[in-house]
C-alpha cells in the first residue's frame, strides 16, 4: 500500500489517500475542506485513479470536499447508512464556510470490505461519536483508520449530534481486541498504536464507562 496523508482545514482533519501501486487504484478517506486541490495534484502526479471517497462519519470537518472531489474524479462516495443523512443534509455547526451536500452511492456495512487493487480494508461499525461512525482496518498492513472513535490519548466527543457515551464504550472495548502493534491513524492528531493506548482503553472496557 502507498499512503499519503495531510492535515487539512480549521480543525486539523487528517485526510488520507491510499493506493495500490500495481493497479494505481486509490481511495480517499475523510476529504475535509480544503483537500480537493492537494488530492487532485497527487493523483495526477502519480497517475492514480480515485475509485472511492470514504467518510468515516458525517460531521462537517470530514466531508466538505466530498462533492467537488467526486465531480473531479468520478469516484463514488461511501458512508455508513446511519450517517447518510449527515452527508445529504449537512449541519455545519461551527463551520466557517458552507458545507456542500453529497450523495453517497456506496453503503459501508459492518464486516464489509473495501477492495482496490490488492488492498483490502475491513469495515468496522464503531458508533459513539456518531451513530454511523466506522473504522477501517487494513489487516495486511496492520493499519486502523479510526476516524473520530479512537485518538492518541482519548476518544471522540460524545456531546455532539449523534454522540452516545455507552456506544463509545462498546466501540473502545471492541478495539482492545486488536494487536498492540496495530498502527492507529485517527481523524485528528498524531498516529499511535493500540499498544500505546491499551491501558486506558482497558479501563474504559472494564469499567463500562468513559472517564474524565
N, C-alpha and C. Protein backbone atom coordinates (compact mmCIF):
# COMPACT_ATOMS: atom_id res chain seq x y z
N UNK A 1 0.84 -1.19 0.00
CA UNK A 1 0.00 0.00 0.00
C UNK A 1 0.88 1.25 0.00
N UNK A 2 0.52 2.20 -0.85
CA UNK A 2 1.13 3.52 -0.78
C UNK A 2 0.14 4.46 -0.10
N UNK A 3 0.65 5.30 0.79
CA UNK A 3 -0.23 6.13 1.60
C UNK A 3 0.29 7.55 1.67
N UNK A 4 -0.61 8.50 1.41
CA UNK A 4 -0.33 9.92 1.58
C UNK A 4 -1.29 10.47 2.62
N UNK A 5 -0.81 11.36 3.47
CA UNK A 5 -1.66 11.96 4.49
C UNK A 5 -1.37 13.45 4.58
N UNK A 6 -2.40 14.20 4.93
CA UNK A 6 -2.22 15.65 5.09
C UNK A 6 -3.22 16.16 6.11
N UNK A 7 -2.78 17.13 6.90
CA UNK A 7 -3.67 17.77 7.88
C UNK A 7 -4.34 18.95 7.20
N UNK A 8 -5.67 18.99 7.27
CA UNK A 8 -6.45 19.92 6.45
C UNK A 8 -7.50 20.63 7.29
N UNK A 9 -7.71 21.92 7.00
CA UNK A 9 -8.87 22.63 7.49
C UNK A 9 -8.74 23.23 8.87
N UNK A 10 -9.78 23.93 9.31
CA UNK A 10 -9.72 24.72 10.55
C UNK A 10 -9.66 23.90 11.82
N UNK A 11 -10.02 22.61 11.77
CA UNK A 11 -9.90 21.78 12.97
C UNK A 11 -8.92 20.63 12.74
N UNK A 12 -8.00 20.82 11.80
CA UNK A 12 -6.87 19.91 11.58
C UNK A 12 -7.31 18.46 11.40
N UNK A 13 -8.08 18.23 10.34
CA UNK A 13 -8.53 16.89 10.00
C UNK A 13 -7.44 16.14 9.24
N UNK A 14 -7.23 14.89 9.59
CA UNK A 14 -6.28 14.05 8.87
C UNK A 14 -6.97 13.45 7.64
N UNK A 15 -6.48 13.81 6.46
CA UNK A 15 -7.00 13.29 5.20
C UNK A 15 -6.00 12.27 4.66
N UNK A 16 -6.49 11.12 4.21
CA UNK A 16 -5.61 10.06 3.73
C UNK A 16 -5.97 9.68 2.30
N UNK A 17 -4.95 9.41 1.51
CA UNK A 17 -5.12 8.81 0.19
C UNK A 17 -4.30 7.53 0.17
N UNK A 18 -4.96 6.42 -0.16
CA UNK A 18 -4.32 5.11 -0.19
C UNK A 18 -4.36 4.58 -1.61
N UNK A 19 -3.29 3.93 -2.04
CA UNK A 19 -3.26 3.43 -3.41
C UNK A 19 -2.56 2.08 -3.49
N UNK A 20 -2.99 1.28 -4.46
CA UNK A 20 -2.31 0.04 -4.80
C UNK A 20 -1.31 0.36 -5.90
N UNK A 21 -0.02 0.15 -5.66
CA UNK A 21 0.99 0.55 -6.64
C UNK A 21 0.91 -0.22 -7.95
N UNK A 22 0.37 -1.43 -7.92
CA UNK A 22 0.30 -2.24 -9.14
C UNK A 22 -0.80 -1.75 -10.09
N UNK A 23 -1.99 -1.54 -9.55
CA UNK A 23 -3.12 -1.13 -10.39
C UNK A 23 -3.28 0.38 -10.47
N UNK A 24 -2.64 1.10 -9.55
CA UNK A 24 -2.76 2.56 -9.44
C UNK A 24 -4.19 3.00 -9.09
N UNK A 25 -4.95 2.10 -8.49
CA UNK A 25 -6.26 2.46 -7.97
C UNK A 25 -6.11 3.03 -6.56
N UNK A 26 -6.92 4.04 -6.24
CA UNK A 26 -6.77 4.74 -4.96
C UNK A 26 -8.13 5.02 -4.34
N UNK A 27 -8.10 5.23 -3.02
CA UNK A 27 -9.27 5.74 -2.32
C UNK A 27 -8.83 6.93 -1.46
N UNK A 28 -9.77 7.77 -1.11
CA UNK A 28 -9.52 8.89 -0.20
C UNK A 28 -10.41 8.73 1.02
N UNK A 29 -9.87 9.05 2.19
CA UNK A 29 -10.60 8.93 3.45
C UNK A 29 -10.73 10.30 4.09
N UNK A 30 -11.97 10.72 4.37
CA UNK A 30 -12.29 11.96 5.10
C UNK A 30 -11.76 13.19 4.37
N UNK A 31 -12.41 13.51 3.26
CA UNK A 31 -11.95 14.60 2.40
C UNK A 31 -12.49 15.94 2.90
N UNK A 32 -11.82 16.44 3.90
CA UNK A 32 -12.16 17.72 4.50
C UNK A 32 -11.86 18.87 3.53
N UNK A 33 -12.49 20.00 3.76
CA UNK A 33 -12.17 21.22 3.03
C UNK A 33 -10.99 21.92 3.71
N UNK A 34 -9.93 22.31 2.96
CA UNK A 34 -9.75 22.23 1.50
C UNK A 34 -8.74 21.15 1.11
N UNK A 35 -9.23 20.00 0.67
CA UNK A 35 -8.32 18.94 0.24
C UNK A 35 -8.38 18.64 -1.25
N UNK A 36 -9.33 19.23 -1.96
CA UNK A 36 -9.53 18.91 -3.37
C UNK A 36 -8.26 19.12 -4.19
N UNK A 37 -7.67 20.30 -4.10
CA UNK A 37 -6.51 20.61 -4.95
C UNK A 37 -5.34 19.69 -4.64
N UNK A 38 -5.09 19.46 -3.35
CA UNK A 38 -3.98 18.58 -2.96
C UNK A 38 -4.18 17.17 -3.49
N UNK A 39 -5.39 16.61 -3.30
CA UNK A 39 -5.65 15.25 -3.77
C UNK A 39 -5.55 15.17 -5.28
N UNK A 40 -6.15 16.12 -5.98
CA UNK A 40 -6.10 16.11 -7.44
C UNK A 40 -4.67 16.17 -7.96
N UNK A 41 -3.86 17.01 -7.35
CA UNK A 41 -2.45 17.13 -7.76
C UNK A 41 -1.69 15.83 -7.52
N UNK A 42 -1.92 15.20 -6.36
CA UNK A 42 -1.23 13.95 -6.04
C UNK A 42 -1.67 12.82 -6.97
N UNK A 43 -2.95 12.75 -7.28
CA UNK A 43 -3.43 11.73 -8.21
C UNK A 43 -2.78 11.90 -9.58
N UNK A 44 -2.75 13.14 -10.05
CA UNK A 44 -2.17 13.41 -11.37
C UNK A 44 -0.68 13.11 -11.40
N UNK A 45 0.03 13.49 -10.35
CA UNK A 45 1.48 13.29 -10.31
C UNK A 45 1.85 11.82 -10.32
N UNK A 46 0.99 10.97 -9.77
CA UNK A 46 1.30 9.54 -9.65
C UNK A 46 0.52 8.67 -10.62
N UNK A 47 -0.31 9.30 -11.45
CA UNK A 47 -1.16 8.57 -12.39
C UNK A 47 -2.05 7.58 -11.66
N UNK A 48 -2.60 8.01 -10.52
CA UNK A 48 -3.54 7.19 -9.76
C UNK A 48 -4.96 7.54 -10.18
N UNK A 49 -5.84 6.54 -10.11
CA UNK A 49 -7.26 6.74 -10.38
C UNK A 49 -8.03 6.58 -9.08
N UNK A 50 -8.75 7.62 -8.69
CA UNK A 50 -9.52 7.55 -7.44
C UNK A 50 -10.81 6.78 -7.68
N UNK A 51 -11.00 5.72 -6.91
CA UNK A 51 -12.17 4.86 -7.08
C UNK A 51 -13.27 5.14 -6.06
N UNK A 52 -12.90 5.62 -4.86
CA UNK A 52 -13.88 5.75 -3.79
C UNK A 52 -13.45 6.86 -2.82
N UNK A 53 -14.46 7.56 -2.32
CA UNK A 53 -14.28 8.59 -1.28
C UNK A 53 -15.02 8.09 -0.05
N UNK A 54 -14.28 7.81 1.02
CA UNK A 54 -14.87 7.22 2.22
C UNK A 54 -14.97 8.27 3.32
N UNK A 55 -16.16 8.41 3.88
CA UNK A 55 -16.37 9.26 5.06
C UNK A 55 -16.50 8.36 6.28
N UNK A 56 -15.59 8.51 7.25
CA UNK A 56 -15.70 7.69 8.46
C UNK A 56 -16.92 8.06 9.29
N UNK A 57 -17.41 9.28 9.12
CA UNK A 57 -18.66 9.72 9.71
C UNK A 57 -19.07 11.02 9.04
N UNK A 58 -20.21 11.57 9.45
CA UNK A 58 -20.79 12.65 8.67
C UNK A 58 -20.64 14.05 9.22
N UNK A 59 -19.74 14.30 10.15
CA UNK A 59 -19.55 15.67 10.63
C UNK A 59 -18.85 16.52 9.58
N UNK A 60 -19.12 17.82 9.61
CA UNK A 60 -18.72 18.72 8.53
C UNK A 60 -17.22 18.73 8.26
N UNK A 61 -16.41 18.50 9.30
CA UNK A 61 -14.96 18.61 9.13
C UNK A 61 -14.35 17.37 8.49
N UNK A 62 -15.20 16.42 8.06
CA UNK A 62 -14.71 15.23 7.38
C UNK A 62 -15.31 15.05 5.99
N UNK A 63 -16.23 15.90 5.59
CA UNK A 63 -16.99 15.65 4.35
C UNK A 63 -17.01 16.83 3.38
N UNK A 64 -16.37 17.95 3.73
CA UNK A 64 -16.57 19.18 2.99
C UNK A 64 -16.22 19.13 1.52
N UNK A 65 -15.20 18.35 1.13
CA UNK A 65 -14.81 18.28 -0.28
C UNK A 65 -15.27 16.99 -0.95
N UNK A 66 -16.21 16.28 -0.35
CA UNK A 66 -16.73 15.07 -0.99
C UNK A 66 -17.26 15.33 -2.39
N UNK A 67 -18.18 16.28 -2.51
CA UNK A 67 -18.83 16.52 -3.79
C UNK A 67 -17.88 17.07 -4.84
N UNK A 68 -17.07 18.10 -4.55
CA UNK A 68 -16.14 18.56 -5.59
C UNK A 68 -15.13 17.50 -6.01
N UNK A 69 -14.68 16.68 -5.07
CA UNK A 69 -13.71 15.64 -5.43
C UNK A 69 -14.38 14.56 -6.28
N UNK A 70 -15.61 14.20 -5.93
CA UNK A 70 -16.34 13.22 -6.74
C UNK A 70 -16.55 13.75 -8.16
N UNK A 71 -16.89 15.04 -8.27
CA UNK A 71 -17.10 15.63 -9.59
C UNK A 71 -15.81 15.66 -10.40
N UNK A 72 -14.69 15.88 -9.74
CA UNK A 72 -13.41 15.99 -10.44
C UNK A 72 -12.86 14.65 -10.87
N UNK A 73 -13.21 13.58 -10.14
CA UNK A 73 -12.58 12.28 -10.38
C UNK A 73 -13.52 11.19 -10.84
N UNK A 74 -14.82 11.36 -10.64
CA UNK A 74 -15.77 10.30 -10.94
C UNK A 74 -15.88 9.25 -9.86
N UNK A 75 -15.17 9.44 -8.74
CA UNK A 75 -15.21 8.47 -7.64
C UNK A 75 -16.56 8.52 -6.94
N UNK A 76 -17.00 7.37 -6.43
CA UNK A 76 -18.23 7.31 -5.65
C UNK A 76 -17.94 7.62 -4.19
N UNK A 77 -18.99 8.02 -3.46
CA UNK A 77 -18.88 8.39 -2.06
C UNK A 77 -19.48 7.27 -1.22
N UNK A 78 -18.80 6.92 -0.14
CA UNK A 78 -19.24 5.83 0.73
C UNK A 78 -19.37 6.30 2.16
N UNK A 79 -20.41 5.84 2.85
CA UNK A 79 -20.62 6.17 4.26
C UNK A 79 -21.52 5.09 4.85
N UNK A 80 -21.49 4.94 6.17
CA UNK A 80 -22.43 4.03 6.83
C UNK A 80 -23.84 4.59 6.69
N UNK A 81 -24.85 3.74 6.48
CA UNK A 81 -26.21 4.25 6.26
C UNK A 81 -26.76 5.11 7.40
N UNK A 82 -26.30 4.87 8.64
CA UNK A 82 -26.81 5.68 9.75
C UNK A 82 -26.27 7.11 9.73
N UNK A 83 -25.25 7.37 8.94
CA UNK A 83 -24.74 8.75 8.79
C UNK A 83 -25.02 9.32 7.42
N UNK A 84 -25.76 8.61 6.61
CA UNK A 84 -26.05 9.09 5.26
C UNK A 84 -26.71 10.47 5.28
N UNK A 85 -27.64 10.67 6.22
CA UNK A 85 -28.36 11.94 6.27
C UNK A 85 -27.44 13.11 6.56
N UNK A 86 -26.34 12.87 7.24
CA UNK A 86 -25.42 13.96 7.56
C UNK A 86 -24.68 14.45 6.31
N UNK A 87 -24.52 13.57 5.32
CA UNK A 87 -23.91 13.99 4.05
C UNK A 87 -24.94 14.68 3.16
N UNK A 88 -26.15 14.14 3.15
CA UNK A 88 -27.18 14.69 2.27
C UNK A 88 -27.71 16.03 2.77
N UNK A 89 -27.73 16.22 4.08
CA UNK A 89 -28.21 17.46 4.68
C UNK A 89 -27.24 17.88 5.78
N UNK A 90 -26.07 18.36 5.39
CA UNK A 90 -25.03 18.64 6.38
C UNK A 90 -25.43 19.75 7.33
N UNK A 91 -25.11 19.56 8.61
CA UNK A 91 -25.33 20.57 9.63
C UNK A 91 -23.97 21.15 10.00
N UNK A 92 -23.67 22.37 9.56
CA UNK A 92 -22.30 22.87 9.68
C UNK A 92 -21.87 23.24 11.08
N UNK A 93 -22.82 23.33 12.03
CA UNK A 93 -22.46 23.70 13.39
C UNK A 93 -21.57 24.94 13.38
N UNK A 94 -20.29 24.80 13.71
CA UNK A 94 -19.40 25.96 13.78
C UNK A 94 -18.50 26.08 12.56
N UNK A 95 -18.86 25.45 11.46
CA UNK A 95 -18.02 25.52 10.25
C UNK A 95 -17.90 26.96 9.77
N UNK A 96 -16.70 27.39 9.39
CA UNK A 96 -16.51 28.76 8.93
C UNK A 96 -16.82 28.96 7.45
N UNK A 97 -17.36 27.93 6.80
CA UNK A 97 -17.70 28.03 5.38
C UNK A 97 -18.86 27.08 5.10
N UNK A 98 -19.46 27.23 3.93
CA UNK A 98 -20.58 26.37 3.54
C UNK A 98 -20.11 24.93 3.33
N UNK A 99 -20.90 23.97 3.79
CA UNK A 99 -20.62 22.57 3.55
C UNK A 99 -21.59 22.08 2.48
N UNK A 100 -21.03 21.63 1.36
CA UNK A 100 -21.84 21.22 0.22
C UNK A 100 -22.41 19.82 0.47
N UNK A 101 -23.71 19.63 0.27
CA UNK A 101 -24.28 18.29 0.41
C UNK A 101 -23.62 17.31 -0.55
N UNK A 102 -23.59 16.04 -0.15
CA UNK A 102 -23.08 15.00 -1.03
C UNK A 102 -24.01 13.80 -0.99
N UNK A 103 -24.00 13.03 -2.06
CA UNK A 103 -24.93 11.90 -2.19
C UNK A 103 -24.12 10.60 -2.21
N UNK A 104 -24.16 9.82 -1.14
CA UNK A 104 -23.42 8.55 -1.11
C UNK A 104 -24.02 7.54 -2.09
N UNK A 105 -23.16 6.82 -2.77
CA UNK A 105 -23.59 5.75 -3.67
C UNK A 105 -23.27 4.38 -3.11
N UNK A 106 -22.42 4.33 -2.07
CA UNK A 106 -21.96 3.07 -1.50
C UNK A 106 -22.23 3.08 0.00
N UNK A 107 -22.84 2.00 0.50
CA UNK A 107 -23.08 1.87 1.93
C UNK A 107 -21.97 1.04 2.58
N UNK A 108 -21.43 1.55 3.67
CA UNK A 108 -20.42 0.82 4.43
C UNK A 108 -21.13 -0.01 5.49
N UNK A 109 -20.98 -1.31 5.43
CA UNK A 109 -21.67 -2.21 6.35
C UNK A 109 -20.66 -2.91 7.24
N UNK A 110 -21.04 -3.15 8.47
CA UNK A 110 -20.21 -3.91 9.41
C UNK A 110 -19.74 -5.21 8.77
N UNK A 111 -18.42 -5.44 8.81
CA UNK A 111 -17.85 -6.66 8.26
C UNK A 111 -17.64 -6.64 6.76
N UNK A 112 -18.11 -5.59 6.10
CA UNK A 112 -17.89 -5.47 4.66
C UNK A 112 -16.44 -5.15 4.35
N UNK A 113 -16.10 -5.23 3.08
CA UNK A 113 -14.73 -4.96 2.65
C UNK A 113 -14.71 -3.93 1.54
N UNK A 114 -13.72 -3.05 1.63
CA UNK A 114 -13.40 -2.14 0.54
C UNK A 114 -12.16 -2.71 -0.13
N UNK A 115 -12.25 -2.97 -1.43
CA UNK A 115 -11.12 -3.52 -2.16
C UNK A 115 -10.73 -2.60 -3.31
N UNK A 116 -9.46 -2.34 -3.44
CA UNK A 116 -8.94 -1.64 -4.60
C UNK A 116 -7.56 -2.20 -4.89
N UNK A 117 -7.41 -2.72 -6.11
CA UNK A 117 -6.21 -3.47 -6.41
C UNK A 117 -6.12 -4.66 -5.46
N UNK A 118 -4.94 -4.86 -4.89
CA UNK A 118 -4.73 -5.96 -3.96
C UNK A 118 -4.99 -5.57 -2.52
N UNK A 119 -5.45 -4.36 -2.30
CA UNK A 119 -5.60 -3.84 -0.94
C UNK A 119 -7.01 -4.10 -0.42
N UNK A 120 -7.09 -4.48 0.84
CA UNK A 120 -8.36 -4.81 1.47
C UNK A 120 -8.51 -4.04 2.77
N UNK A 121 -9.64 -3.35 2.92
CA UNK A 121 -9.99 -2.66 4.16
C UNK A 121 -11.28 -3.26 4.69
N UNK A 122 -11.26 -3.67 5.94
CA UNK A 122 -12.44 -4.24 6.58
C UNK A 122 -13.18 -3.12 7.32
N UNK A 123 -14.49 -3.04 7.13
CA UNK A 123 -15.30 -2.01 7.75
C UNK A 123 -15.75 -2.46 9.13
N UNK A 124 -15.47 -1.63 10.12
CA UNK A 124 -15.91 -1.87 11.50
C UNK A 124 -16.89 -0.76 11.87
N UNK A 125 -18.09 -1.13 12.25
CA UNK A 125 -19.04 -0.13 12.73
C UNK A 125 -18.68 0.21 14.17
N UNK A 126 -18.21 1.43 14.40
CA UNK A 126 -17.74 1.84 15.74
C UNK A 126 -18.47 3.10 16.17
N UNK A 127 -19.75 3.00 16.50
CA UNK A 127 -20.53 4.17 16.88
C UNK A 127 -20.09 4.73 18.24
N UNK A 128 -20.59 5.91 18.52
CA UNK A 128 -20.27 6.60 19.75
C UNK A 128 -20.06 8.08 19.49
N UNK A 129 -19.23 8.39 18.50
CA UNK A 129 -19.07 9.79 18.08
C UNK A 129 -20.27 10.21 17.24
N UNK A 130 -20.70 9.34 16.33
CA UNK A 130 -22.00 9.44 15.66
C UNK A 130 -22.55 8.02 15.56
N UNK A 131 -23.82 7.95 15.16
CA UNK A 131 -24.47 6.64 15.06
C UNK A 131 -23.80 5.76 14.00
N UNK A 132 -23.34 6.40 12.92
CA UNK A 132 -22.79 5.65 11.80
C UNK A 132 -21.29 5.72 11.67
N UNK A 133 -20.59 6.05 12.73
CA UNK A 133 -19.12 6.11 12.66
C UNK A 133 -18.55 4.73 12.33
N UNK A 134 -17.54 4.74 11.47
CA UNK A 134 -16.84 3.50 11.14
C UNK A 134 -15.34 3.68 11.31
N UNK A 135 -14.66 2.56 11.51
CA UNK A 135 -13.21 2.48 11.42
C UNK A 135 -12.89 1.50 10.29
N UNK A 136 -11.73 1.66 9.70
CA UNK A 136 -11.32 0.82 8.58
C UNK A 136 -10.02 0.13 8.96
N UNK A 137 -10.00 -1.19 8.86
CA UNK A 137 -8.82 -1.97 9.25
C UNK A 137 -8.20 -2.61 8.02
N UNK A 138 -6.91 -2.36 7.82
CA UNK A 138 -6.15 -2.98 6.74
C UNK A 138 -5.33 -4.13 7.35
N UNK A 139 -5.86 -5.36 7.32
CA UNK A 139 -5.20 -6.46 8.03
C UNK A 139 -3.83 -6.80 7.46
N UNK A 140 -3.63 -6.61 6.17
CA UNK A 140 -2.35 -6.96 5.57
C UNK A 140 -1.26 -5.96 5.91
N UNK A 141 -1.66 -4.77 6.36
CA UNK A 141 -0.69 -3.71 6.66
C UNK A 141 -0.67 -3.35 8.14
N UNK A 142 -1.60 -3.92 8.93
CA UNK A 142 -1.66 -3.61 10.35
C UNK A 142 -2.02 -2.17 10.64
N UNK A 143 -2.92 -1.60 9.83
CA UNK A 143 -3.32 -0.20 9.98
C UNK A 143 -4.80 -0.11 10.33
N UNK A 144 -5.13 0.78 11.26
CA UNK A 144 -6.51 1.05 11.63
C UNK A 144 -6.79 2.53 11.44
N UNK A 145 -7.67 2.85 10.50
CA UNK A 145 -8.11 4.23 10.30
C UNK A 145 -9.35 4.41 11.17
N UNK A 146 -9.18 5.11 12.29
CA UNK A 146 -10.19 5.09 13.35
C UNK A 146 -11.16 6.25 13.33
N UNK A 147 -11.05 7.15 12.33
CA UNK A 147 -11.96 8.29 12.31
C UNK A 147 -11.90 9.05 13.62
N UNK A 148 -13.08 9.42 14.14
CA UNK A 148 -13.12 10.13 15.42
C UNK A 148 -13.57 9.21 16.55
N UNK A 149 -13.30 7.92 16.41
CA UNK A 149 -13.58 6.98 17.51
C UNK A 149 -12.42 6.94 18.48
N UNK A 150 -11.23 6.67 17.98
CA UNK A 150 -10.06 6.50 18.83
C UNK A 150 -8.98 7.48 18.44
N UNK A 151 -8.48 8.24 19.41
CA UNK A 151 -7.38 9.18 19.22
C UNK A 151 -6.20 8.74 20.08
N UNK A 152 -5.06 9.37 19.84
CA UNK A 152 -3.93 9.20 20.76
C UNK A 152 -4.33 9.84 22.09
N UNK A 153 -4.47 9.02 23.11
CA UNK A 153 -4.79 9.53 24.44
C UNK A 153 -6.26 9.75 24.72
N UNK A 154 -7.15 9.30 23.87
CA UNK A 154 -8.56 9.52 24.16
C UNK A 154 -9.48 9.07 23.04
N UNK A 155 -10.73 9.52 23.13
CA UNK A 155 -11.79 9.12 22.21
C UNK A 155 -12.47 10.37 21.66
N UNK A 156 -13.28 10.17 20.64
CA UNK A 156 -14.01 11.28 20.04
C UNK A 156 -15.12 11.78 20.95
N UNK A 157 -15.47 13.04 20.76
CA UNK A 157 -16.51 13.66 21.59
C UNK A 157 -17.84 12.91 21.46
N UNK A 158 -18.56 12.85 22.56
CA UNK A 158 -19.86 12.19 22.57
C UNK A 158 -20.98 13.18 22.89
N UNK A 159 -20.64 14.48 22.89
CA UNK A 159 -21.63 15.51 23.20
C UNK A 159 -22.06 16.29 21.96
N UNK A 160 -21.71 15.80 20.78
CA UNK A 160 -22.13 16.40 19.53
C UNK A 160 -23.30 15.59 18.96
N UNK A 161 -23.99 16.12 17.93
CA UNK A 161 -25.10 15.36 17.35
C UNK A 161 -24.68 13.95 16.95
N UNK A 162 -25.44 12.97 17.43
CA UNK A 162 -25.14 11.57 17.15
C UNK A 162 -24.29 10.90 18.20
N UNK A 163 -23.80 11.67 19.18
CA UNK A 163 -22.93 11.09 20.20
C UNK A 163 -23.68 10.21 21.18
N UNK A 164 -22.99 9.18 21.68
CA UNK A 164 -23.60 8.23 22.61
C UNK A 164 -22.48 7.63 23.46
N UNK A 165 -22.37 8.04 24.73
CA UNK A 165 -21.29 7.53 25.57
C UNK A 165 -21.28 6.01 25.70
N UNK A 166 -22.45 5.39 25.85
CA UNK A 166 -22.49 3.93 26.01
C UNK A 166 -21.99 3.23 24.75
N UNK A 167 -22.37 3.75 23.60
CA UNK A 167 -21.90 3.17 22.34
C UNK A 167 -20.40 3.35 22.20
N UNK A 168 -19.88 4.50 22.64
CA UNK A 168 -18.43 4.72 22.56
C UNK A 168 -17.69 3.71 23.44
N UNK A 169 -18.21 3.44 24.63
CA UNK A 169 -17.58 2.44 25.49
C UNK A 169 -17.48 1.10 24.76
N UNK A 170 -18.56 0.69 24.11
CA UNK A 170 -18.56 -0.58 23.40
C UNK A 170 -17.54 -0.57 22.25
N UNK A 171 -17.44 0.55 21.55
CA UNK A 171 -16.50 0.64 20.43
C UNK A 171 -15.06 0.59 20.92
N UNK A 172 -14.77 1.33 22.00
CA UNK A 172 -13.41 1.28 22.56
C UNK A 172 -13.08 -0.13 23.02
N UNK A 173 -14.05 -0.79 23.69
CA UNK A 173 -13.82 -2.15 24.16
C UNK A 173 -13.53 -3.08 22.99
N UNK A 174 -14.23 -2.89 21.90
CA UNK A 174 -14.00 -3.73 20.72
C UNK A 174 -12.59 -3.56 20.18
N UNK A 175 -12.09 -2.34 20.19
CA UNK A 175 -10.77 -2.08 19.61
C UNK A 175 -9.65 -2.61 20.49
N UNK A 176 -9.94 -2.94 21.76
CA UNK A 176 -8.89 -3.56 22.59
C UNK A 176 -8.54 -4.96 22.10
N UNK A 177 -9.35 -5.54 21.24
CA UNK A 177 -9.07 -6.88 20.73
C UNK A 177 -8.00 -6.89 19.66
N UNK A 178 -7.60 -5.71 19.17
CA UNK A 178 -6.57 -5.65 18.14
C UNK A 178 -5.18 -5.77 18.77
N UNK A 179 -4.24 -6.23 17.99
CA UNK A 179 -2.88 -6.44 18.49
C UNK A 179 -2.21 -5.12 18.84
N UNK A 180 -1.29 -5.17 19.80
CA UNK A 180 -0.59 -3.96 20.24
C UNK A 180 0.10 -3.24 19.10
N UNK A 181 0.62 -3.98 18.13
CA UNK A 181 1.39 -3.38 17.04
C UNK A 181 0.53 -2.67 16.02
N UNK A 182 -0.80 -2.81 16.10
CA UNK A 182 -1.68 -2.17 15.12
C UNK A 182 -1.50 -0.66 15.18
N UNK A 183 -1.14 -0.07 14.04
CA UNK A 183 -0.99 1.39 13.95
C UNK A 183 -2.36 2.03 13.82
N UNK A 184 -2.61 3.08 14.59
CA UNK A 184 -3.89 3.78 14.60
C UNK A 184 -3.70 5.14 13.96
N UNK A 185 -4.45 5.39 12.88
CA UNK A 185 -4.42 6.68 12.19
C UNK A 185 -5.76 7.35 12.41
N UNK A 186 -5.84 8.27 13.38
CA UNK A 186 -7.13 8.86 13.75
C UNK A 186 -7.54 10.01 12.84
N UNK A 187 -8.77 10.48 13.05
CA UNK A 187 -9.28 11.59 12.26
C UNK A 187 -8.64 12.92 12.60
N UNK A 188 -8.06 13.03 13.78
CA UNK A 188 -7.34 14.23 14.20
C UNK A 188 -6.16 13.79 15.06
N UNK A 189 -5.11 14.56 15.02
CA UNK A 189 -3.99 14.30 15.91
C UNK A 189 -3.02 13.27 15.37
N UNK A 190 -2.10 12.88 16.23
CA UNK A 190 -0.97 12.07 15.82
C UNK A 190 -1.32 10.59 15.71
N UNK A 191 -0.52 9.90 14.90
CA UNK A 191 -0.63 8.45 14.81
C UNK A 191 -0.19 7.81 16.12
N UNK A 192 -0.84 6.70 16.46
CA UNK A 192 -0.48 5.98 17.68
C UNK A 192 -0.57 4.49 17.40
N UNK A 193 -0.55 3.68 18.43
CA UNK A 193 -0.76 2.24 18.29
C UNK A 193 -1.74 1.77 19.35
N UNK A 194 -2.33 0.61 19.12
CA UNK A 194 -3.21 0.03 20.13
C UNK A 194 -2.43 -0.20 21.43
N UNK A 195 -1.19 -0.64 21.30
CA UNK A 195 -0.38 -0.90 22.49
C UNK A 195 -0.19 0.32 23.35
N UNK A 196 0.05 1.49 22.73
CA UNK A 196 0.24 2.73 23.50
C UNK A 196 -1.04 3.14 24.21
N UNK A 197 -2.18 2.83 23.64
CA UNK A 197 -3.46 3.26 24.19
C UNK A 197 -4.12 2.20 25.07
N UNK A 198 -3.56 1.02 25.09
CA UNK A 198 -4.26 -0.11 25.71
C UNK A 198 -4.64 0.12 27.18
N UNK A 199 -3.76 0.73 27.96
CA UNK A 199 -4.02 0.85 29.41
C UNK A 199 -5.33 1.59 29.67
N UNK A 200 -5.51 2.74 29.06
CA UNK A 200 -6.75 3.48 29.32
C UNK A 200 -7.94 2.84 28.62
N UNK A 201 -7.71 2.24 27.44
CA UNK A 201 -8.81 1.57 26.75
C UNK A 201 -9.37 0.43 27.59
N UNK A 202 -8.49 -0.29 28.26
CA UNK A 202 -8.97 -1.40 29.10
C UNK A 202 -9.68 -0.89 30.35
N UNK A 203 -9.29 0.28 30.85
CA UNK A 203 -10.04 0.89 31.94
C UNK A 203 -11.47 1.20 31.52
N UNK A 204 -11.62 1.74 30.31
CA UNK A 204 -12.96 2.02 29.78
C UNK A 204 -13.73 0.72 29.60
N UNK A 205 -13.07 -0.27 29.02
CA UNK A 205 -13.73 -1.56 28.78
C UNK A 205 -14.19 -2.21 30.08
N UNK A 206 -13.30 -2.28 31.05
CA UNK A 206 -13.61 -2.99 32.29
C UNK A 206 -14.55 -2.20 33.20
N UNK A 207 -14.45 -0.87 33.17
CA UNK A 207 -15.33 -0.04 33.99
C UNK A 207 -16.66 0.23 33.36
N UNK A 208 -16.80 -0.10 32.07
CA UNK A 208 -18.05 0.09 31.31
C UNK A 208 -18.49 1.56 31.29
N UNK A 209 -17.51 2.48 31.33
CA UNK A 209 -17.86 3.89 31.27
C UNK A 209 -16.66 4.70 30.80
N UNK A 210 -16.96 5.86 30.24
CA UNK A 210 -15.92 6.81 29.91
C UNK A 210 -15.54 7.55 31.18
N UNK A 211 -14.28 7.92 31.30
CA UNK A 211 -13.84 8.64 32.49
C UNK A 211 -13.35 10.01 32.09
N UNK A 212 -13.27 10.94 33.06
CA UNK A 212 -12.90 12.32 32.78
C UNK A 212 -11.42 12.39 32.43
